[in-house]
Every structure is written in structure tokens, then in C-alpha cells.
């Protein structure tokens, strides 16, 4: 169980590091991303984002709040 807890701690820590790096873009507020009651990120006003982590992979996407357009292609 200790290994699972350590792995989860590393996932959390590196996911948050990704979020800090993504938030370093000019124009985004440089404030901490707090932790909600279920461990979810609490983004500052005017910011939206997501943190993803799984075995061997961590990622974060952060952007100013507002309309978002997306396109996907399935092949």
C-alpha cells in the first residue's frame, strides 16, 4: 500500500507542476491552483484547466476562460 500512496503523491505533484508551467504563459494569473475537497484543482477566476495523470504520463491544459473551439478527426 505504501507504494500506491507514493505513486499517487508523485502523480499529484508532477500534475501540479505541469499546471504551473502551463500557467506561466503571459497573461495568465500567477496564483496557486488550490485543491478542492475531492482533490480537484480549483482554478483562479478567469482561468479554466485540466490536469491528467496516469501511469507514466502527466499533463495539464490551462487557458483563459471564455469560448473554446475544438475539432477532432477520427480515422
C-alpha atoms as a PDB file:
ATOM      1  CA  UNK A   1       0.000   0.000   0.000  1.00  0.00           C
ATOM      2  CA  UNK A   2       2.885   2.400   0.713  1.00  0.00           C
ATOM      3  CA  UNK A   3       3.981   2.073  -2.950  1.00  0.00           C
ATOM      4  CA  UNK A   4       0.482   3.026  -4.133  1.00  0.00           C
ATOM      5  CA  UNK A   5       0.447   6.084  -1.884  1.00  0.00           C
ATOM      6  CA  UNK A   6       3.906   7.161  -3.090  1.00  0.00           C
ATOM      7  CA  UNK A   7       2.892   6.688  -6.728  1.00  0.00           C
ATOM      8  CA  UNK A   8      -0.266   8.768  -6.202  1.00  0.00           C
ATOM      9  CA  UNK A   9       1.764  11.503  -4.489  1.00  0.00           C
ATOM     10  CA  UNK A  10       4.164  11.642  -7.463  1.00  0.00           C
ATOM     11  CA  UNK A  11       1.246  11.783  -9.933  1.00  0.00           C
ATOM     12  CA  UNK A  12      -0.319  14.650  -7.976  1.00  0.00           C
ATOM     13  CA  UNK A  13       2.966  16.554  -7.623  1.00  0.00           C
ATOM     14  CA  UNK A  14       4.018  16.273 -11.255  1.00  0.00           C
ATOM     15  CA  UNK A  15       0.486  17.063 -12.483  1.00  0.00           C
ATOM     16  CA  UNK A  16       0.535  20.263 -10.446  1.00  0.00           C
ATOM     17  CA  UNK A  17       4.000  21.091 -11.783  1.00  0.00           C
ATOM     18  CA  UNK A  18       2.632  20.762 -15.325  1.00  0.00           C
ATOM     19  CA  UNK A  19      -0.199  23.131 -14.380  1.00  0.00           C
ATOM     20  CA  UNK A  20       2.263  25.703 -13.001  1.00  0.00           C
ATOM     21  CA  UNK A  21       4.338  25.524 -16.190  1.00  0.00           C
ATOM     22  CA  UNK A  22       1.259  25.887 -18.398  1.00  0.00           C
ATOM     23  CA  UNK A  23       0.079  28.825 -16.300  1.00  0.00           C
ATOM     24  CA  UNK A  24       3.426  30.577 -16.759  1.00  0.00           C
ATOM     25  CA  UNK A  25       2.243  31.870 -20.143  1.00  0.00           C
ATOM     26  CA  UNK A  26       1.965  35.645 -20.345  1.00  0.00           C
ATOM     27  CA  UNK A  27      -1.493  36.918 -19.470  1.00  0.00           C
ATOM     28  CA  UNK A  28      -2.464  34.125 -17.083  1.00  0.00           C
ATOM     29  CA  UNK A  29      -2.538  34.910 -13.363  1.00  0.00           C
ATOM     30  CA  UNK A  30       0.409  33.561 -11.393  1.00  0.00           C
ATOM     31  CA  UNK A  31      -1.504  32.338  -8.389  1.00  0.00           C
ATOM     32  CA  UNK A  32      -1.570  28.870  -6.849  1.00  0.00           C
ATOM     33  CA  UNK A  33      -4.038  26.288  -8.063  1.00  0.00           C
ATOM     34  CA  UNK A  34      -5.684  25.267  -4.823  1.00  0.00           C
ATOM     35  CA  UNK A  35      -7.021  21.802  -4.041  1.00  0.00           C
ATOM     36  CA  UNK A  36     -10.765  21.214  -3.724  1.00  0.00           C
ATOM     37  CA  UNK A  37     -12.465  18.824  -1.275  1.00  0.00           C
ATOM     38  CA  UNK A  38     -12.154  15.863  -3.651  1.00  0.00           C
ATOM     39  CA  UNK A  39      -8.601  16.716  -4.740  1.00  0.00           C
ATOM     40  CA  UNK A  40      -9.770  18.581  -7.845  1.00  0.00           C
ATOM     41  CA  UNK A  41      -7.911  21.694  -8.992  1.00  0.00           C
ATOM     42  CA  UNK A  42      -9.574  24.989  -8.066  1.00  0.00           C
ATOM     43  CA  UNK A  43      -8.585  27.347 -10.875  1.00  0.00           C
ATOM     44  CA  UNK A  44      -8.463  31.092 -10.209  1.00  0.00           C
ATOM     45  CA  UNK A  45     -11.219  33.310 -11.596  1.00  0.00           C
ATOM     46  CA  UNK A  46     -10.900  33.772 -15.334  1.00  0.00           C
ATOM     47  CA  UNK A  47      -8.958  30.529 -15.859  1.00  0.00           C
ATOM     48  CA  UNK A  48     -10.054  27.042 -16.884  1.00  0.00           C
ATOM     49  CA  UNK A  49      -7.908  23.969 -16.990  1.00  0.00           C
ATOM     50  CA  UNK A  50      -7.464  20.261 -16.576  1.00  0.00           C
ATOM     51  CA  UNK A  51      -4.788  18.030 -15.106  1.00  0.00           C
ATOM     52  CA  UNK A  52      -4.391  14.450 -16.264  1.00  0.00           C
ATOM     53  CA  UNK A  53      -2.217  11.739 -14.801  1.00  0.00           C
ATOM     54  CA  UNK A  54      -1.904   8.037 -15.371  1.00  0.00           C
ATOM     55  CA  UNK A  55       0.916   5.503 -15.348  1.00  0.00           C
ATOM     56  CA  UNK A  56       3.954   7.215 -16.845  1.00  0.00           C
ATOM     57  CA  UNK A  57       2.126  10.311 -18.134  1.00  0.00           C
ATOM     58  CA  UNK A  58       1.226  13.703 -16.654  1.00  0.00           C
ATOM     59  CA  UNK A  59      -0.268  16.657 -18.498  1.00  0.00           C
ATOM     60  CA  UNK A  60      -2.051  19.949 -17.900  1.00  0.00           C
ATOM     61  CA  UNK A  61      -4.016  22.287 -20.134  1.00  0.00           C
ATOM     62  CA  UNK A  62      -4.694  25.839 -18.950  1.00  0.00           C
ATOM     63  CA  UNK A  63      -6.387  28.730 -20.747  1.00  0.00           C
ATOM     64  CA  UNK A  64      -8.243  31.952 -20.095  1.00  0.00           C
ATOM     65  CA  UNK A  65     -11.943  31.368 -19.512  1.00  0.00           C
ATOM     66  CA  UNK A  66     -14.168  32.061 -22.499  1.00  0.00           C
ATOM     67  CA  UNK A  67     -15.356  30.354 -25.647  1.00  0.00           C
ATOM     68  CA  UNK A  68     -13.348  27.287 -26.616  1.00  0.00           C
ATOM     69  CA  UNK A  69     -13.463  25.623 -30.012  1.00  0.00           C
ATOM     70  CA  UNK A  70     -12.200  22.178 -30.726  1.00  0.00           C
ATOM     71  CA  UNK A  71     -12.018  19.865 -33.699  1.00  0.00           C
ATOM     72  CA  UNK A  72     -11.348  16.152 -33.699  1.00  0.00           C
ATOM     73  CA  UNK A  73     -10.857  13.753 -36.571  1.00  0.00           C
ATOM     74  CA  UNK A  74     -11.440  10.068 -36.210  1.00  0.00           C
ATOM     75  CA  UNK A  75      -9.649   7.866 -38.695  1.00  0.00           C
END
